[in-house]
């Protein structure tokens, strides 16, 4: 995993951890009834799931483009070395 990928994973883990802690504190300190709190938790869970899906799509897209770029660079280096070797062999 690249350094950028590790950084994204750390941020995602921190956000997820903060969300869980915040939700727990919200439940403990909520001045609402049980059904109202459960409804709020359900809504929050759905919003969080949607956001996680968006982030995973963005991360997937970033990783995919990074892999594509690395493959293109690798091919370019390979082709340069191959052409250099052919030129040396031809002379």
Protein backbone atom coordinates (compact mmCIF):
# COMPACT_ATOMS: atom_id res chain seq x y z
CA UNK A 1 0.00 0.00 0.00
CA UNK A 2 1.35 3.45 -0.90
CA UNK A 3 1.98 6.15 1.66
CA UNK A 4 -1.05 8.03 0.36
CA UNK A 5 -3.20 4.93 0.72
CA UNK A 6 -1.98 4.44 4.29
CA UNK A 7 -2.77 8.06 5.09
CA UNK A 8 -6.29 7.71 3.68
CA UNK A 9 -6.81 4.52 5.71
CA UNK A 10 -5.65 6.28 8.90
CA UNK A 11 -8.03 9.20 8.33
CA UNK A 12 -10.91 6.84 7.56
CA UNK A 13 -10.20 4.87 10.75
CA UNK A 14 -10.08 8.06 12.81
CA UNK A 15 -13.36 9.30 11.36
CA UNK A 16 -15.03 5.94 11.96
CA UNK A 17 -13.72 5.79 15.52
CA UNK A 18 -14.87 9.32 16.24
CA UNK A 19 -18.31 8.51 14.82
CA UNK A 20 -18.67 5.48 17.07
CA UNK A 21 -17.55 7.40 20.16
CA UNK A 22 -19.82 10.32 19.28
CA UNK A 23 -22.79 8.03 18.76
CA UNK A 24 -22.14 6.32 22.09
CA UNK A 25 -21.91 9.59 23.96
CA UNK A 26 -25.02 10.82 22.20
CA UNK A 27 -26.99 7.80 23.38
CA UNK A 28 -25.76 8.18 26.95
CA UNK A 29 -26.44 11.90 27.16
CA UNK A 30 -29.55 12.15 24.98
CA UNK A 31 -32.53 13.90 26.57
CA UNK A 32 -34.92 11.89 24.37
CA UNK A 33 -37.07 8.84 24.79
CA UNK A 34 -35.91 5.41 23.68
CA UNK A 35 -37.91 5.29 20.42
CA UNK A 36 -36.76 8.79 19.44
CA UNK A 37 -33.16 7.88 20.15
CA UNK A 38 -33.42 4.65 18.15
CA UNK A 39 -34.93 6.57 15.23
CA UNK A 40 -32.08 9.09 15.36
CA UNK A 41 -29.51 6.30 15.51
CA UNK A 42 -31.13 4.62 12.52
CA UNK A 43 -31.01 7.85 10.52
CA UNK A 44 -27.40 8.48 11.54
CA UNK A 45 -26.45 4.93 10.57
CA UNK A 46 -27.99 5.33 7.12
CA UNK A 47 -26.21 8.65 6.56
CA UNK A 48 -22.91 7.15 7.72
CA UNK A 49 -23.36 4.14 5.45
CA UNK A 50 -23.99 6.42 2.48
CA UNK A 51 -20.90 8.50 3.29
CA UNK A 52 -18.75 5.37 3.68
CA UNK A 53 -19.97 4.13 0.31
CA UNK A 54 -19.01 7.45 -1.28
CA UNK A 55 -15.57 7.40 0.36
CA UNK A 56 -14.92 3.82 -0.67
CA UNK A 57 -15.78 4.74 -4.26
CA UNK A 58 -13.38 7.67 -4.13
CA UNK A 59 -10.64 5.54 -2.59
CA UNK A 60 -11.20 2.80 -5.17
CA UNK A 61 -11.00 5.36 -7.97
CA UNK A 62 -7.78 6.82 -6.55
CA UNK A 63 -6.16 3.43 -6.15
CA UNK A 64 -7.22 2.38 -9.63
CA UNK A 65 -5.74 5.51 -11.22
CA UNK A 66 -2.55 5.08 -9.16
CA UNK A 67 -2.15 1.50 -10.34
CA UNK A 68 -2.80 2.54 -13.93
CA UNK A 69 -0.18 5.28 -13.69
CA UNK A 70 2.36 2.89 -12.15
CA UNK A 71 1.75 0.35 -14.92
CA UNK A 72 2.23 3.02 -17.59
CA UNK A 73 5.47 4.21 -16.00
CA UNK A 74 6.71 0.64 -15.68
CA UNK A 75 5.98 -0.06 -19.33
CA UNK A 76 7.75 3.13 -20.38
CA UNK A 77 10.87 2.23 -18.38
CA UNK A 78 10.81 -1.33 -19.71
CA UNK A 79 10.48 -0.13 -23.30
CA UNK A 80 13.33 2.40 -22.91
CA UNK A 81 15.65 -0.27 -21.52
CA UNK A 82 14.58 -2.75 -24.16
CA UNK A 83 15.26 -0.28 -26.95
CA UNK A 84 18.63 0.62 -25.42
CA UNK A 85 19.58 -3.07 -25.23
CA UNK A 86 18.51 -3.65 -28.83
CA UNK A 87 20.57 -0.67 -29.95
CA UNK A 88 23.62 -2.00 -28.09
CA UNK A 89 23.17 -5.47 -29.59
CA UNK A 90 22.76 -4.04 -33.10
CA UNK A 91 26.03 -2.10 -32.94
